[in-house]
Amino acid sequence: MRFAKIIERVLITIPIMIGVALIVFLFMRLTPGDPVDLMMGNAGNVSEEEIETLTSELNLDKPIHVQLTTYFSDVVQGDLGNSYKKNRPVTELIIQTLPATVELALAATFVSLIIGIPIGVYSAVKQNKLVDRMSMGGSFLGISMPPFWLGIVLILIFSVYLAWTPVKGRVDFGVQFPTVTGLYVVDSIIAGDLNGLKNVLLHLLLPAITLGASMAAIVARVTRSSMVETLRSDYVTLARAKGVKEWRVIIVHGLRNGLIPTVTMIGLEIGVLLSGNMIVETVFGWPGLGRLAVDGIFNRDYPLVQGVVMFYAFVFVIANLIVDILYTYLNPKLKA
């Protein structure tokens, strides 16, 4: 039964990805304004020949159905076009900046889990007590704080006034170690460079907290809700009646089953972190995919923006697929 459901979800994903590609294509072409004029800007020294050349390179001089066919053919081959401003393939730029975004997303996820899960579990155990109300009130605050505001506040406190952390970037100028994975934390550990690891972690700390704060609040609320329901279950009552220690009842019998909704939510939030971190990366000067997209927007780089948007959309689709597969295995009601 599980295998059949996984196959079903994979098959459903295929038309969804095709639909996403179609929507991105139509959205970018139906947006008001000529893309070539937008990219050329207000420069007065642009010749008609240059405009025609760029229009031809983007296939905008061809009928819409021909553009669509070419577009799908290129996407299937992994070709998302060439950046107009950077004069490099969009796929290459995405691959180059993706490790920074992945590292930030993983760090933010780690921060959210070590904060959100303990708070959620403790709030469920102390349901309707002062600690529970304070924790849930704090979670509302975490959800409500705009990331750009929180990031600026953290920079002012820890970087400007206390001078404990760097203001921007992934690593200080002059700090070098062999790049193997593109994830600087992992690379510094592989190289055995403790000073480099410390420097990388200091750069990573504030962006990870900023990006993970709202996710931690959501994790806490979802964990609390599922744990409250789980702790009222018959098998938990039976475990307590058998004299099982309370901490074992909570961790083994309660948390293991109560984390199923949390795991589902985390999978979806990772997709959000990978594709929704433009503001945080811009605030902290983090050279990731989000900042690449913002640069493309400000530079009016039509192919770059289109390629990054396409990649973001596919990340969401794949994240949903992975969550569905994990849920199929974690849910005890779905037997093999």
Protein backbone atom coordinates (compact mmCIF):
# COMPACT_ATOMS: atom_id res chain seq x y z
CA MET A 1 0.00 0.00 0.00
CA ARG A 2 2.81 2.41 0.89
CA PHE A 3 4.71 1.72 -2.34
CA ALA A 4 1.56 2.28 -4.41
CA LYS A 5 0.93 5.62 -2.68
CA ILE A 6 4.52 6.72 -3.30
CA ILE A 7 4.24 5.87 -7.00
CA GLU A 8 0.93 7.73 -7.13
CA ARG A 9 2.49 10.85 -5.61
CA VAL A 10 5.46 10.73 -7.98
CA LEU A 11 3.14 10.46 -10.98
CA ILE A 12 1.04 13.37 -9.72
CA THR A 13 4.20 15.46 -9.37
CA ILE A 14 5.02 15.22 -13.10
CA PRO A 15 2.00 17.19 -14.41
CA ILE A 16 2.37 19.62 -11.50
CA MET A 17 5.96 20.41 -12.53
CA ILE A 18 4.86 20.83 -16.14
CA GLY A 19 2.11 23.17 -14.97
CA VAL A 20 4.59 25.15 -12.87
CA ALA A 21 6.91 25.55 -15.85
CA LEU A 22 3.99 26.72 -17.98
CA ILE A 23 2.84 29.24 -15.37
CA VAL A 24 6.34 30.68 -15.01
CA PHE A 25 6.64 30.97 -18.78
CA LEU A 26 3.29 32.73 -19.20
CA PHE A 27 3.77 34.94 -16.14
CA MET A 28 7.12 36.27 -17.33
CA ARG A 29 5.79 36.97 -20.83
CA LEU A 30 2.40 38.38 -19.92
CA THR A 31 3.83 40.83 -17.38
CA PRO A 32 3.27 44.38 -18.68
CA GLY A 33 6.29 45.94 -20.37
CA ASP A 34 8.83 44.80 -22.91
CA PRO A 35 11.50 42.66 -21.19
CA VAL A 36 14.18 43.97 -23.54
CA ASP A 37 13.27 47.59 -22.78
CA LEU A 38 13.34 46.80 -19.06
CA MET A 39 16.78 45.21 -19.30
CA MET A 40 18.18 47.99 -21.46
CA GLY A 41 16.83 50.56 -19.03
CA ASN A 42 16.94 54.21 -19.90
CA ALA A 43 20.34 54.10 -21.54
CA GLY A 44 20.33 56.47 -24.46
CA ASN A 45 23.27 54.90 -26.25
CA VAL A 46 21.53 51.60 -27.03
CA SER A 47 21.23 50.99 -30.74
CA GLU A 48 18.38 49.28 -32.54
CA GLU A 49 20.79 46.53 -33.56
CA GLU A 50 21.59 45.76 -29.91
CA ILE A 51 17.90 45.64 -29.08
CA GLU A 52 17.19 43.29 -31.97
CA THR A 53 20.14 41.07 -31.00
CA LEU A 54 18.95 40.72 -27.41
CA THR A 55 15.37 40.11 -28.56
CA SER A 56 16.63 37.32 -30.81
CA GLU A 57 18.78 35.80 -28.06
CA LEU A 58 15.72 35.62 -25.77
CA ASN A 59 13.57 34.20 -28.62
CA LEU A 60 11.11 37.04 -28.07
CA ASP A 61 10.91 37.68 -31.81
CA LYS A 62 9.28 34.28 -32.38
CA PRO A 63 5.60 33.30 -32.01
CA ILE A 64 4.49 32.39 -28.49
CA HIS A 65 4.03 28.67 -29.29
CA VAL A 66 7.57 28.49 -30.69
CA GLN A 67 8.90 30.23 -27.56
CA LEU A 68 7.01 27.73 -25.41
CA THR A 69 8.40 24.73 -27.29
CA THR A 70 11.95 26.05 -27.08
CA TYR A 71 11.48 26.92 -23.42
CA PHE A 72 10.30 23.42 -22.43
CA SER A 73 13.05 21.82 -24.50
CA ASP A 74 15.71 23.91 -22.74
CA VAL A 75 14.26 23.30 -19.25
CA VAL A 76 14.24 19.53 -19.79
CA GLN A 77 17.94 19.76 -20.69
CA GLY A 78 18.67 21.87 -17.61
CA ASP A 79 19.25 25.02 -19.68
CA LEU A 80 17.64 28.05 -18.03
CA GLY A 81 19.25 30.56 -20.38
CA ASN A 82 22.09 33.03 -19.93
CA SER A 83 22.24 35.97 -17.54
CA TYR A 84 22.19 39.21 -19.49
CA LYS A 85 24.17 41.21 -16.92
CA LYS A 86 26.60 38.53 -15.73
CA ASN A 87 27.03 36.93 -19.16
CA ARG A 88 27.00 33.43 -17.65
CA PRO A 89 24.54 30.51 -17.78
CA VAL A 90 21.75 30.87 -15.23
CA THR A 91 22.13 27.21 -14.24
CA GLU A 92 25.80 27.82 -13.43
CA LEU A 93 24.93 30.84 -11.28
CA ILE A 94 22.28 28.86 -9.39
CA ILE A 95 24.70 25.99 -8.74
CA GLN A 96 27.35 28.46 -7.57
CA THR A 97 25.09 30.26 -5.06
CA LEU A 98 22.96 27.28 -3.97
CA PRO A 99 25.40 25.90 -1.32
CA ALA A 100 25.25 29.19 0.62
CA THR A 101 21.46 29.09 0.62
CA VAL A 102 21.36 25.40 1.58
CA GLU A 103 23.79 26.01 4.45
CA LEU A 104 21.71 28.92 5.74
CA ALA A 105 18.47 26.93 5.40
CA LEU A 106 19.92 23.94 7.28
CA ALA A 107 21.27 26.19 10.04
CA ALA A 108 17.90 27.95 10.36
CA THR A 109 16.15 24.57 10.51
CA PHE A 110 18.53 23.41 13.23
CA VAL A 111 17.89 26.58 15.23
CA SER A 112 14.14 26.19 14.87
CA LEU A 113 14.19 22.53 15.97
CA ILE A 114 16.35 22.96 19.07
CA ILE A 115 14.10 25.84 20.15
CA GLY A 116 10.67 24.85 18.86
CA ILE A 117 10.43 21.14 19.77
CA PRO A 118 11.44 21.44 23.47
CA ILE A 119 9.12 24.44 23.93
CA GLY A 120 6.26 22.62 22.21
CA VAL A 121 6.71 19.46 24.27
CA TYR A 122 7.04 21.33 27.56
CA SER A 123 3.99 23.48 26.78
CA ALA A 124 1.95 20.34 26.06
CA VAL A 125 3.02 18.76 29.35
CA LYS A 126 2.20 22.00 31.21
CA GLN A 127 -0.99 22.63 29.24
CA ASN A 128 -3.00 25.73 30.24
CA LYS A 129 -0.47 26.70 32.90
CA LEU A 130 1.49 29.95 32.99
CA VAL A 131 4.49 28.45 31.18
CA ASP A 132 2.24 27.21 28.40
CA ARG A 133 0.56 30.57 27.96
CA MET A 134 3.88 32.42 27.94
CA SER A 135 5.37 29.99 25.42
CA MET A 136 2.43 30.28 23.04
CA GLY A 137 2.45 34.06 23.45
CA GLY A 138 6.12 34.04 22.55
CA SER A 139 5.38 31.92 19.50
CA PHE A 140 2.87 34.53 18.31
CA LEU A 141 5.60 37.12 18.68
CA GLY A 142 8.02 34.96 16.68
CA ILE A 143 5.53 34.51 13.86
CA SER A 144 4.67 38.22 13.80
CA MET A 145 8.21 39.64 13.65
CA PRO A 146 9.22 40.57 10.08
CA PRO A 147 12.56 38.93 9.22
CA PHE A 148 14.08 42.16 7.89
CA TRP A 149 13.24 43.96 11.16
CA LEU A 150 14.57 41.16 13.34
CA GLY A 151 17.74 40.94 11.24
CA ILE A 152 18.42 44.67 11.53
CA VAL A 153 17.80 44.59 15.30
CA LEU A 154 20.19 41.65 15.75
CA ILE A 155 22.84 43.42 13.66
CA LEU A 156 22.51 46.60 15.72
CA ILE A 157 22.77 44.71 19.02
CA PHE A 158 25.33 41.98 18.37
CA SER A 159 27.35 43.42 15.48
CA VAL A 160 27.33 47.17 16.02
CA TYR A 161 27.02 47.71 19.78
CA LEU A 162 28.52 44.50 21.20
CA ALA A 163 30.81 43.72 18.21
CA TRP A 164 30.41 39.98 18.82
CA THR A 165 29.46 38.94 15.30
CA PRO A 166 30.30 40.11 11.75
CA VAL A 167 27.85 42.34 9.92
CA LYS A 168 27.66 40.50 6.61
CA GLY A 169 29.08 37.78 4.37
CA ARG A 170 29.89 34.09 4.92
CA VAL A 171 33.51 34.41 6.04
CA ASP A 172 36.06 37.14 6.75
CA PHE A 173 38.36 38.28 3.99
CA GLY A 174 41.62 36.32 4.14
CA VAL A 175 40.12 33.25 5.85
CA GLN A 176 40.66 30.39 3.41
CA PHE A 177 40.23 26.62 3.43
CA PRO A 178 39.72 24.06 0.64
CA THR A 179 36.19 24.14 -0.75
CA VAL A 180 34.85 20.61 -1.19
CA THR A 181 31.08 20.76 -0.69
CA GLY A 182 30.47 24.50 -0.85
CA LEU A 183 29.07 24.31 2.69
CA TYR A 184 31.65 26.28 4.63
CA VAL A 185 30.88 24.64 7.98
CA VAL A 186 31.47 21.19 6.51
CA ASP A 187 34.49 22.31 4.48
CA SER A 188 36.21 23.90 7.48
CA ILE A 189 35.64 20.72 9.50
CA ILE A 190 37.05 18.58 6.69
CA ALA A 191 40.08 20.86 6.50
CA GLY A 192 40.51 20.72 10.29
CA ASP A 193 40.55 24.52 10.41
CA LEU A 194 39.07 25.40 13.81
CA ASN A 195 39.66 29.13 13.39
CA GLY A 196 37.92 29.00 10.03
CA LEU A 197 35.03 27.02 11.56
CA LYS A 198 34.62 29.60 14.31
CA ASN A 199 34.65 32.42 11.78
CA VAL A 200 32.05 30.68 9.59
CA LEU A 201 29.76 29.98 12.57
CA LEU A 202 29.94 33.60 13.71
CA HIS A 203 28.87 34.74 10.24
CA LEU A 204 26.11 32.11 10.14
CA LEU A 205 24.66 32.73 13.62
CA LEU A 206 22.57 35.87 13.11
CA PRO A 207 21.16 34.99 9.67
CA ALA A 208 20.20 31.52 10.95
CA ILE A 209 18.42 32.96 13.99
CA THR A 210 16.65 35.56 11.85
CA LEU A 211 15.48 33.00 9.31
CA GLY A 212 14.67 30.32 11.86
CA ALA A 213 12.75 32.46 14.37
CA SER A 214 9.37 32.27 12.65
CA MET A 215 9.86 28.58 11.86
CA ALA A 216 10.71 27.88 15.53
CA ALA A 217 7.44 29.52 16.54
CA ILE A 218 5.49 27.38 14.06
CA VAL A 219 7.32 24.21 15.15
CA ALA A 220 6.50 24.97 18.80
CA ARG A 221 2.80 25.46 18.10
CA VAL A 222 2.44 22.39 15.87
CA THR A 223 4.42 20.20 18.30
CA ARG A 224 2.35 21.38 21.24
CA SER A 225 -0.93 20.75 19.42
CA SER A 226 0.03 17.22 18.32
CA MET A 227 1.56 16.36 21.72
CA VAL A 228 -1.56 17.46 23.60
CA GLU A 229 -3.63 15.10 21.48
CA THR A 230 -1.08 12.28 21.75
CA LEU A 231 -0.75 12.51 25.53
CA ARG A 232 -4.52 11.94 25.79
CA SER A 233 -4.34 8.73 23.75
CA ASP A 234 -5.25 5.35 25.22
CA TYR A 235 -1.78 3.86 24.72
CA VAL A 236 -0.23 6.72 26.71
CA THR A 237 -2.76 6.19 29.51
CA LEU A 238 -1.95 2.47 29.45
CA ALA A 239 1.79 3.16 29.67
CA ARG A 240 1.24 5.36 32.71
CA ALA A 241 -0.99 2.71 34.30
CA LYS A 242 1.85 0.19 33.89
CA GLY A 243 4.10 2.43 35.93
CA VAL A 244 6.33 3.64 33.09
CA LYS A 245 8.35 6.68 34.12
CA GLU A 246 6.80 9.97 33.05
CA TRP A 247 9.80 11.13 31.01
CA ARG A 248 9.73 7.84 29.09
CA VAL A 249 6.00 8.19 28.48
CA ILE A 250 6.52 11.69 27.10
CA ILE A 251 9.59 10.98 24.95
CA VAL A 252 9.08 7.38 23.78
CA HIS A 253 5.31 7.03 23.63
CA GLY A 254 4.27 10.64 23.14
CA LEU A 255 6.94 12.47 21.17
CA ARG A 256 7.65 9.69 18.69
CA ASN A 257 4.03 9.65 17.53
CA GLY A 258 3.35 13.33 18.10
CA LEU A 259 6.14 14.44 15.77
CA ILE A 260 4.40 13.18 12.60
CA PRO A 261 2.60 16.51 11.91
CA THR A 262 5.77 18.37 12.89
CA VAL A 263 7.89 16.41 10.40
CA THR A 264 5.35 17.17 7.68
CA MET A 265 5.44 20.88 8.51
CA ILE A 266 9.26 20.94 8.69
CA GLY A 267 9.53 19.44 5.21
CA LEU A 268 7.33 22.18 3.79
CA GLU A 269 9.14 24.89 5.75
CA ILE A 270 12.52 23.77 4.38
CA GLY A 271 11.15 24.46 0.91
CA VAL A 272 10.12 27.90 2.15
CA LEU A 273 13.57 28.52 3.65
CA LEU A 274 15.31 27.54 0.42
CA SER A 275 13.16 29.79 -1.70
CA GLY A 276 11.88 32.51 0.61
CA ASN A 277 15.08 33.90 2.08
CA MET A 278 15.63 36.83 -0.27
CA ILE A 279 15.13 39.45 2.43
CA VAL A 280 17.38 37.77 4.99
CA GLU A 281 20.18 37.20 2.48
CA THR A 282 19.94 40.81 1.36
CA VAL A 283 20.00 42.20 4.93
CA PHE A 284 23.07 40.14 5.87
CA GLY A 285 24.85 40.34 2.51
CA TRP A 286 24.65 36.56 2.26
CA PRO A 287 25.83 35.46 -1.21
CA GLY A 288 23.06 32.93 -1.80
CA LEU A 289 20.27 32.24 -4.23
CA GLY A 290 17.93 34.79 -2.70
CA ARG A 291 20.41 37.60 -3.11
CA LEU A 292 21.07 36.43 -6.68
CA ALA A 293 17.36 36.78 -7.41
CA VAL A 294 17.23 40.27 -5.87
CA ASP A 295 20.25 41.33 -7.93
CA GLY A 296 18.54 39.97 -11.04
CA ILE A 297 15.42 41.98 -10.27
CA PHE A 298 17.31 45.24 -9.70
CA ASN A 299 19.50 44.63 -12.76
CA ARG A 300 16.41 43.81 -14.83
CA ASP A 301 18.04 40.54 -15.80
CA TYR A 302 15.06 38.80 -17.41
CA PRO A 303 16.62 35.34 -18.01
CA LEU A 304 18.14 35.23 -14.51
CA VAL A 305 14.88 36.13 -12.78
CA GLN A 306 12.96 33.61 -14.86
CA GLY A 307 15.47 30.84 -14.14
CA VAL A 308 15.57 31.49 -10.39
CA VAL A 309 11.76 31.65 -10.18
CA MET A 310 11.59 28.33 -12.03
CA PHE A 311 14.10 26.79 -9.63
CA TYR A 312 12.17 28.12 -6.62
CA ALA A 313 8.95 26.61 -7.94
CA PHE A 314 10.57 23.21 -8.48
CA VAL A 315 12.00 23.32 -4.94
CA PHE A 316 8.48 23.68 -3.55
CA VAL A 317 7.17 20.84 -5.69
CA ILE A 318 10.02 18.49 -4.74
CA ALA A 319 9.73 19.47 -1.06
CA ASN A 320 6.03 18.56 -1.13
CA LEU A 321 6.83 15.24 -2.78
CA ILE A 322 9.46 14.38 -0.16
CA VAL A 323 7.05 15.31 2.65
CA ASP A 324 4.36 13.08 1.15
CA ILE A 325 6.79 10.16 0.95
CA LEU A 326 8.02 10.69 4.54
CA TYR A 327 4.47 10.93 5.81
CA THR A 328 3.62 7.68 4.06
CA TYR A 329 6.37 5.91 5.99
CA LEU A 330 5.83 7.69 9.32
CA ASN A 331 2.06 7.35 9.50
CA PRO A 332 1.30 4.04 11.26
CA LYS A 333 -2.20 3.99 9.72
CA LEU A 334 -0.64 3.40 6.29
CA LYS A 335 0.53 -0.18 6.47
CA ALA A 336 2.73 -1.82 3.84
